[in-house]
Amino acid sequence: MVAAVAVVVVAGCAASSPAPRSDVVPSPPASAAPPESGDAVAWADDYCGAMSELVRSVSSMPSVDASSPRRASETSGELLDVMVTGLERTLDRLGGLGAPPVAEAERLRRDAVDRYSDIRDRAQEVLDELAAAEGPEARLDAVSAVSAPLDDIGGLNLLEGFDTVPALDRASGEAPSCLRLTGPETGGTPRFETPGS
């Protein structure tokens, strides 16, 4: 783990000073110090907390009732509504993350926002199609499009890119929210099942 580094700022003494502090060795400038481990763990914990919003939503999504075109359409709409709400909560929390502990962390955050925004928009489009569909055939056509955002969600690695940033990779092994996402049942890769997957 990256150890926390305490930087001691020592004021320079004038040459004419009667009692110079010869026992003090100036530390490197603060800008040269690596980020503190605690900062990375806190940031990773908040990031994983944002991912947990989506996990909670997916776990509460209803199954599609295919007993009739109307019921299939209604329950597909309910499913997508829960998905969109979870994605929006995740995006809100990603947008509220604090300053990244390393430069690469901001890149990962931006990539995640782009990825989850695309899935949210796609799910919303299908939800709008379901709401506008009239008649059994139109409803079934709209229901068939539900599988696309479901597949998008099911294929996500919620900590994608963390393994390419050593500071975040280590931090995710300590952050409580990340540990909940990477339990033994995930095989170490935080993915989750979606209805019908």
C-alpha atoms as a PDB file:
ATOM      1  CA  MET A   1       0.000   0.000   0.000  1.00  0.00           C
ATOM      2  CA  VAL A   2       1.082   3.568  -0.571  1.00  0.00           C
ATOM      3  CA  ALA A   3       2.134   4.949   2.803  1.00  0.00           C
ATOM      4  CA  ALA A   4       0.943   8.363   3.888  1.00  0.00           C
ATOM      5  CA  VAL A   5       3.733  10.876   3.602  1.00  0.00           C
ATOM      6  CA  ALA A   6       4.046  13.694   6.137  1.00  0.00           C
ATOM      7  CA  VAL A   7       5.701  16.704   4.548  1.00  0.00           C
ATOM      8  CA  VAL A   8       7.597  18.982   6.936  1.00  0.00           C
ATOM      9  CA  VAL A   9       7.974  22.523   5.702  1.00  0.00           C
ATOM     10  CA  VAL A  10      11.116  24.094   7.068  1.00  0.00           C
ATOM     11  CA  ALA A  11      11.692  27.820   6.751  1.00  0.00           C
ATOM     12  CA  GLY A  12      15.129  28.697   5.455  1.00  0.00           C
ATOM     13  CA  CYS A  13      17.483  30.298   7.928  1.00  0.00           C
ATOM     14  CA  ALA A  14      19.591  33.315   7.042  1.00  0.00           C
ATOM     15  CA  ALA A  15      23.321  32.792   6.891  1.00  0.00           C
ATOM     16  CA  SER A  16      23.788  35.201   9.780  1.00  0.00           C
ATOM     17  CA  SER A  17      21.452  33.213  12.085  1.00  0.00           C
ATOM     18  CA  PRO A  18      23.259  32.496  15.371  1.00  0.00           C
ATOM     19  CA  ALA A  19      21.913  28.954  15.845  1.00  0.00           C
ATOM     20  CA  PRO A  20      21.120  27.197  12.532  1.00  0.00           C
ATOM     21  CA  ARG A  21      19.059  23.955  12.704  1.00  0.00           C
ATOM     22  CA  SER A  22      21.698  21.642  11.277  1.00  0.00           C
ATOM     23  CA  ASP A  23      19.754  18.542  12.379  1.00  0.00           C
ATOM     24  CA  VAL A  24      16.758  19.234  10.084  1.00  0.00           C
ATOM     25  CA  VAL A  25      16.856  17.949   6.524  1.00  0.00           C
ATOM     26  CA  PRO A  26      14.351  19.667   4.217  1.00  0.00           C
ATOM     27  CA  SER A  27      11.750  17.309   2.753  1.00  0.00           C
ATOM     28  CA  PRO A  28      10.911  17.170  -0.950  1.00  0.00           C
ATOM     29  CA  PRO A  29       8.346  19.732  -2.158  1.00  0.00           C
ATOM     30  CA  ALA A  30       4.726  18.792  -1.424  1.00  0.00           C
ATOM     31  CA  SER A  31       3.997  18.551  -5.145  1.00  0.00           C
ATOM     32  CA  ALA A  32       6.479  15.681  -5.451  1.00  0.00           C
ATOM     33  CA  ALA A  33       4.794  13.584  -2.765  1.00  0.00           C
ATOM     34  CA  PRO A  34       2.587  10.685  -3.889  1.00  0.00           C
ATOM     35  CA  PRO A  35      -1.141  10.874  -3.038  1.00  0.00           C
ATOM     36  CA  GLU A  36      -2.063   9.573   0.367  1.00  0.00           C
ATOM     37  CA  SER A  37      -3.467   6.043   0.463  1.00  0.00           C
ATOM     38  CA  GLY A  38      -6.424   7.205   2.501  1.00  0.00           C
ATOM     39  CA  ASP A  39      -7.473   9.606  -0.263  1.00  0.00           C
ATOM     40  CA  ALA A  40      -7.480   6.813  -2.837  1.00  0.00           C
ATOM     41  CA  VAL A  41      -9.454   4.486  -0.556  1.00  0.00           C
ATOM     42  CA  ALA A  42     -12.058   7.162   0.180  1.00  0.00           C
ATOM     43  CA  TRP A  43     -12.424   7.994  -3.511  1.00  0.00           C
ATOM     44  CA  ALA A  44     -12.696   4.322  -4.495  1.00  0.00           C
ATOM     45  CA  ASP A  45     -15.279   3.792  -1.752  1.00  0.00           C
ATOM     46  CA  ASP A  46     -17.399   6.644  -3.109  1.00  0.00           C
ATOM     47  CA  TYR A  47     -17.016   5.350  -6.674  1.00  0.00           C
ATOM     48  CA  CYS A  48     -18.114   1.866  -5.650  1.00  0.00           C
ATOM     49  CA  GLY A  49     -20.973   3.415  -3.687  1.00  0.00           C
ATOM     50  CA  ALA A  50     -22.181   4.952  -6.945  1.00  0.00           C
ATOM     51  CA  MET A  51     -22.018   1.533  -8.615  1.00  0.00           C
ATOM     52  CA  SER A  52     -23.981   0.051  -5.717  1.00  0.00           C
ATOM     53  CA  GLU A  53     -26.951   2.246  -6.645  1.00  0.00           C
ATOM     54  CA  LEU A  54     -27.224   0.385  -9.938  1.00  0.00           C
ATOM     55  CA  VAL A  55     -26.719  -2.992  -8.284  1.00  0.00           C
ATOM     56  CA  ARG A  56     -29.570  -2.285  -5.854  1.00  0.00           C
ATOM     57  CA  SER A  57     -31.863  -1.249  -8.691  1.00  0.00           C
ATOM     58  CA  VAL A  58     -31.081  -4.297 -10.804  1.00  0.00           C
ATOM     59  CA  SER A  59     -31.729  -6.578  -7.833  1.00  0.00           C
ATOM     60  CA  SER A  60     -35.223  -5.096  -7.481  1.00  0.00           C
ATOM     61  CA  MET A  61     -36.200  -5.156 -11.171  1.00  0.00           C
ATOM     62  CA  PRO A  62     -39.395  -7.144 -11.829  1.00  0.00           C
ATOM     63  CA  SER A  63     -39.485 -10.016 -14.272  1.00  0.00           C
ATOM     64  CA  VAL A  64     -41.364  -9.612 -17.544  1.00  0.00           C
ATOM     65  CA  ASP A  65     -44.833 -11.193 -17.502  1.00  0.00           C
ATOM     66  CA  ALA A  66     -45.301 -12.659 -20.984  1.00  0.00           C
ATOM     67  CA  SER A  67     -48.867 -13.914 -20.366  1.00  0.00           C
ATOM     68  CA  SER A  68     -50.184 -11.342 -22.850  1.00  0.00           C
ATOM     69  CA  PRO A  69     -48.773  -8.581 -25.060  1.00  0.00           C
ATOM     70  CA  ARG A  70     -50.282  -5.959 -22.739  1.00  0.00           C
ATOM     71  CA  ARG A  71     -48.770  -7.505 -19.600  1.00  0.00           C
ATOM     72  CA  ALA A  72     -45.426  -7.988 -21.343  1.00  0.00           C
ATOM     73  CA  SER A  73     -45.425  -4.327 -22.287  1.00  0.00           C
ATOM     74  CA  GLU A  74     -46.474  -3.140 -18.837  1.00  0.00           C
ATOM     75  CA  THR A  75     -43.966  -5.222 -16.922  1.00  0.00           C
ATOM     76  CA  SER A  76     -41.176  -4.402 -19.387  1.00  0.00           C
ATOM     77  CA  GLY A  77     -41.908  -0.748 -18.773  1.00  0.00           C
ATOM     78  CA  GLU A  78     -41.736  -1.277 -15.015  1.00  0.00           C
ATOM     79  CA  LEU A  79     -38.408  -3.060 -15.398  1.00  0.00           C
ATOM     80  CA  LEU A  80     -36.922  -0.308 -17.538  1.00  0.00           C
ATOM     81  CA  ASP A  81     -38.227   2.400 -15.225  1.00  0.00           C
ATOM     82  CA  VAL A  82     -36.342   0.805 -12.309  1.00  0.00           C
ATOM     83  CA  MET A  83     -33.224   0.456 -14.473  1.00  0.00           C
ATOM     84  CA  VAL A  84     -33.299   4.082 -15.623  1.00  0.00           C
ATOM     85  CA  THR A  85     -33.804   5.306 -12.055  1.00  0.00           C
ATOM     86  CA  GLY A  86     -30.814   3.250 -10.854  1.00  0.00           C
ATOM     87  CA  LEU A  87     -28.627   4.522 -13.677  1.00  0.00           C
ATOM     88  CA  GLU A  88     -29.567   8.113 -12.901  1.00  0.00           C
ATOM     89  CA  ARG A  89     -28.704   7.655  -9.220  1.00  0.00           C
ATOM     90  CA  THR A  90     -25.360   6.151 -10.215  1.00  0.00           C
ATOM     91  CA  LEU A  91     -24.660   9.039 -12.582  1.00  0.00           C
ATOM     92  CA  ASP A  92     -25.599  11.592  -9.926  1.00  0.00           C
ATOM     93  CA  ARG A  93     -23.151  10.065  -7.457  1.00  0.00           C
ATOM     94  CA  LEU A  94     -20.389   9.780 -10.069  1.00  0.00           C
ATOM     95  CA  GLY A  95     -20.883  13.456 -10.809  1.00  0.00           C
ATOM     96  CA  GLY A  96     -20.492  14.283  -7.141  1.00  0.00           C
ATOM     97  CA  LEU A  97     -17.203  12.453  -6.569  1.00  0.00           C
ATOM     98  CA  GLY A  98     -14.472  14.463  -4.899  1.00  0.00           C
ATOM     99  CA  ALA A  99     -11.114  15.365  -6.365  1.00  0.00           C
ATOM    100  CA  PRO A 100      -9.451  12.286  -7.906  1.00  0.00           C
ATOM    101  CA  PRO A 101      -6.443  10.964  -5.957  1.00  0.00           C
ATOM    102  CA  VAL A 102      -4.539  10.302  -9.197  1.00  0.00           C
ATOM    103  CA  ALA A 103      -4.974  11.729 -12.691  1.00  0.00           C
ATOM    104  CA  GLU A 104      -6.118   8.402 -14.132  1.00  0.00           C
ATOM    105  CA  ALA A 105      -9.040   8.300 -11.706  1.00  0.00           C
ATOM    106  CA  GLU A 106     -10.730  11.243 -13.421  1.00  0.00           C
ATOM    107  CA  ARG A 107     -10.406   9.466 -16.768  1.00  0.00           C
ATOM    108  CA  LEU A 108     -12.098   6.382 -15.331  1.00  0.00           C
ATOM    109  CA  ARG A 109     -14.880   8.505 -13.888  1.00  0.00           C
ATOM    110  CA  ARG A 110     -15.487  10.245 -17.234  1.00  0.00           C
ATOM    111  CA  ASP A 111     -15.495   6.914 -19.072  1.00  0.00           C
ATOM    112  CA  ALA A 112     -18.019   5.501 -16.604  1.00  0.00           C
ATOM    113  CA  VAL A 113     -20.279   8.562 -16.945  1.00  0.00           C
ATOM    114  CA  ASP A 114     -20.211   8.198 -20.739  1.00  0.00           C
ATOM    115  CA  ARG A 115     -20.880   4.455 -20.571  1.00  0.00           C
ATOM    116  CA  TYR A 116     -23.762   4.657 -18.101  1.00  0.00           C
ATOM    117  CA  SER A 117     -25.281   7.696 -19.809  1.00  0.00           C
ATOM    118  CA  ASP A 118     -25.408   5.764 -23.097  1.00  0.00           C
ATOM    119  CA  ILE A 119     -27.145   2.806 -21.431  1.00  0.00           C
ATOM    120  CA  ARG A 120     -29.567   5.126 -19.609  1.00  0.00           C
ATOM    121  CA  ASP A 121     -30.462   6.913 -22.865  1.00  0.00           C
ATOM    122  CA  ARG A 122     -30.949   3.636 -24.686  1.00  0.00           C
ATOM    123  CA  ALA A 123     -33.192   2.265 -21.925  1.00  0.00           C
ATOM    124  CA  GLN A 124     -35.196   5.506 -21.884  1.00  0.00           C
ATOM    125  CA  GLU A 125     -35.741   5.282 -25.649  1.00  0.00           C
ATOM    126  CA  VAL A 126     -37.137   1.751 -25.314  1.00  0.00           C
ATOM    127  CA  LEU A 127     -39.282   2.878 -22.383  1.00  0.00           C
ATOM    128  CA  ASP A 128     -40.718   5.673 -24.549  1.00  0.00           C
ATOM    129  CA  GLU A 129     -41.412   3.190 -27.355  1.00  0.00           C
ATOM    130  CA  LEU A 130     -43.285   0.943 -24.935  1.00  0.00           C
ATOM    131  CA  ALA A 131     -45.390   3.843 -23.723  1.00  0.00           C
ATOM    132  CA  ALA A 132     -46.283   4.849 -27.285  1.00  0.00           C
ATOM    133  CA  ALA A 133     -46.979   1.321 -28.583  1.00  0.00           C
ATOM    134  CA  GLU A 134     -50.616   0.600 -29.437  1.00  0.00           C
ATOM    135  CA  GLY A 135     -51.952  -2.826 -30.302  1.00  0.00           C
ATOM    136  CA  PRO A 136     -50.510  -6.293 -29.638  1.00  0.00           C
ATOM    137  CA  GLU A 137     -48.019  -6.288 -32.525  1.00  0.00           C
ATOM    138  CA  ALA A 138     -46.552  -2.882 -31.684  1.00  0.00           C
ATOM    139  CA  ARG A 139     -46.287  -3.843 -28.013  1.00  0.00           C
ATOM    140  CA  LEU A 140     -44.455  -7.087 -28.810  1.00  0.00           C
ATOM    141  CA  ASP A 141     -42.050  -5.203 -31.101  1.00  0.00           C
ATOM    142  CA  ALA A 142     -41.294  -2.742 -28.313  1.00  0.00           C
ATOM    143  CA  VAL A 143     -40.879  -5.529 -25.742  1.00  0.00           C
ATOM    144  CA  SER A 144     -38.331  -7.256 -27.986  1.00  0.00           C
ATOM    145  CA  ALA A 145     -36.134  -4.154 -27.776  1.00  0.00           C
ATOM    146  CA  VAL A 146     -35.882  -4.453 -23.975  1.00  0.00           C
ATOM    147  CA  SER A 147     -33.187  -7.106 -24.261  1.00  0.00           C
ATOM    148  CA  ALA A 148     -30.628  -4.604 -25.620  1.00  0.00           C
ATOM    149  CA  PRO A 149     -30.273  -2.413 -22.490  1.00  0.00           C
ATOM    150  CA  LEU A 150     -30.531  -5.549 -20.350  1.00  0.00           C
ATOM    151  CA  ASP A 151     -27.599  -7.043 -22.236  1.00  0.00           C
ATOM    152  CA  ASP A 152     -25.681  -3.778 -21.788  1.00  0.00           C
ATOM    153  CA  ILE A 153     -26.214  -3.907 -18.026  1.00  0.00           C
ATOM    154  CA  GLY A 154     -25.403  -7.616 -17.767  1.00  0.00           C
ATOM    155  CA  GLY A 155     -22.079  -7.140 -19.556  1.00  0.00           C
ATOM    156  CA  LEU A 156     -20.783  -4.380 -17.288  1.00  0.00           C
ATOM    157  CA  ASN A 157     -17.660  -4.684 -15.177  1.00  0.00           C
ATOM    158  CA  LEU A 158     -18.502  -2.175 -12.473  1.00  0.00           C
ATOM    159  CA  LEU A 159     -14.842  -1.453 -11.705  1.00  0.00           C
ATOM    160  CA  GLU A 160     -13.658  -1.396 -15.290  1.00  0.00           C
ATOM    161  CA  GLY A 161     -10.199   0.129 -15.573  1.00  0.00           C
ATOM    162  CA  PHE A 162      -9.367  -0.035 -11.857  1.00  0.00           C
ATOM    163  CA  ASP A 163      -6.879  -2.838 -12.527  1.00  0.00           C
ATOM    164  CA  THR A 164      -4.928  -0.510 -14.840  1.00  0.00           C
ATOM    165  CA  VAL A 165      -4.351   2.097 -12.096  1.00  0.00           C
ATOM    166  CA  PRO A 166      -2.227   0.594  -9.284  1.00  0.00           C
ATOM    167  CA  ALA A 167      -3.321   3.124  -6.644  1.00  0.00           C
ATOM    168  CA  LEU A 168      -7.013   2.447  -7.320  1.00  0.00           C
ATOM    169  CA  ASP A 169      -6.505  -1.286  -7.668  1.00  0.00           C
ATOM    170  CA  ARG A 170      -4.971  -1.365  -4.195  1.00  0.00           C
ATOM    171  CA  ALA A 171      -7.577   1.017  -2.803  1.00  0.00           C
ATOM    172  CA  SER A 172     -10.449  -1.132  -4.059  1.00  0.00           C
ATOM    173  CA  GLY A 173      -9.089  -3.954  -1.923  1.00  0.00           C
ATOM    174  CA  GLU A 174      -9.653  -1.813   1.181  1.00  0.00           C
ATOM    175  CA  ALA A 175     -12.740   0.271   0.404  1.00  0.00           C
ATOM    176  CA  PRO A 176     -15.832  -1.318   2.042  1.00  0.00           C
ATOM    177  CA  SER A 177     -18.178  -0.484  -0.857  1.00  0.00           C
ATOM    178  CA  CYS A 178     -15.773  -2.080  -3.345  1.00  0.00           C
ATOM    179  CA  LEU A 179     -15.374  -5.199  -1.235  1.00  0.00           C
ATOM    180  CA  ARG A 180     -19.146  -5.640  -1.280  1.00  0.00           C
ATOM    181  CA  LEU A 181     -19.061  -5.516  -5.080  1.00  0.00           C
ATOM    182  CA  THR A 182     -16.170  -7.972  -5.396  1.00  0.00           C
ATOM    183  CA  GLY A 183     -17.315 -10.730  -3.067  1.00  0.00           C
ATOM    184  CA  PRO A 184     -16.537 -14.408  -3.735  1.00  0.00           C
ATOM    185  CA  GLU A 185     -19.734 -14.844  -5.763  1.00  0.00           C
ATOM    186  CA  THR A 186     -18.455 -12.410  -8.409  1.00  0.00           C
ATOM    187  CA  GLY A 187     -15.183 -14.261  -8.889  1.00  0.00           C
ATOM    188  CA  GLY A 188     -13.460 -10.969  -8.131  1.00  0.00           C
ATOM    189  CA  THR A 189     -15.122  -9.241 -11.106  1.00  0.00           C
ATOM    190  CA  PRO A 190     -18.121  -7.139 -10.093  1.00  0.00           C
ATOM    191  CA  ARG A 191     -20.842  -8.168 -12.500  1.00  0.00           C
ATOM    192  CA  PHE A 192     -24.434  -9.068 -11.818  1.00  0.00           C
ATOM    193  CA  GLU A 193     -27.311 -10.994 -13.310  1.00  0.00           C
ATOM    194  CA  THR A 194     -30.298  -9.261 -14.865  1.00  0.00           C
ATOM    195  CA  PRO A 195     -33.800 -10.704 -15.319  1.00  0.00           C
ATOM    196  CA  GLY A 196     -33.759 -13.043 -18.282  1.00  0.00           C
ATOM    197  CA  SER A 197     -29.944 -13.044 -18.561  1.00  0.00           C
END
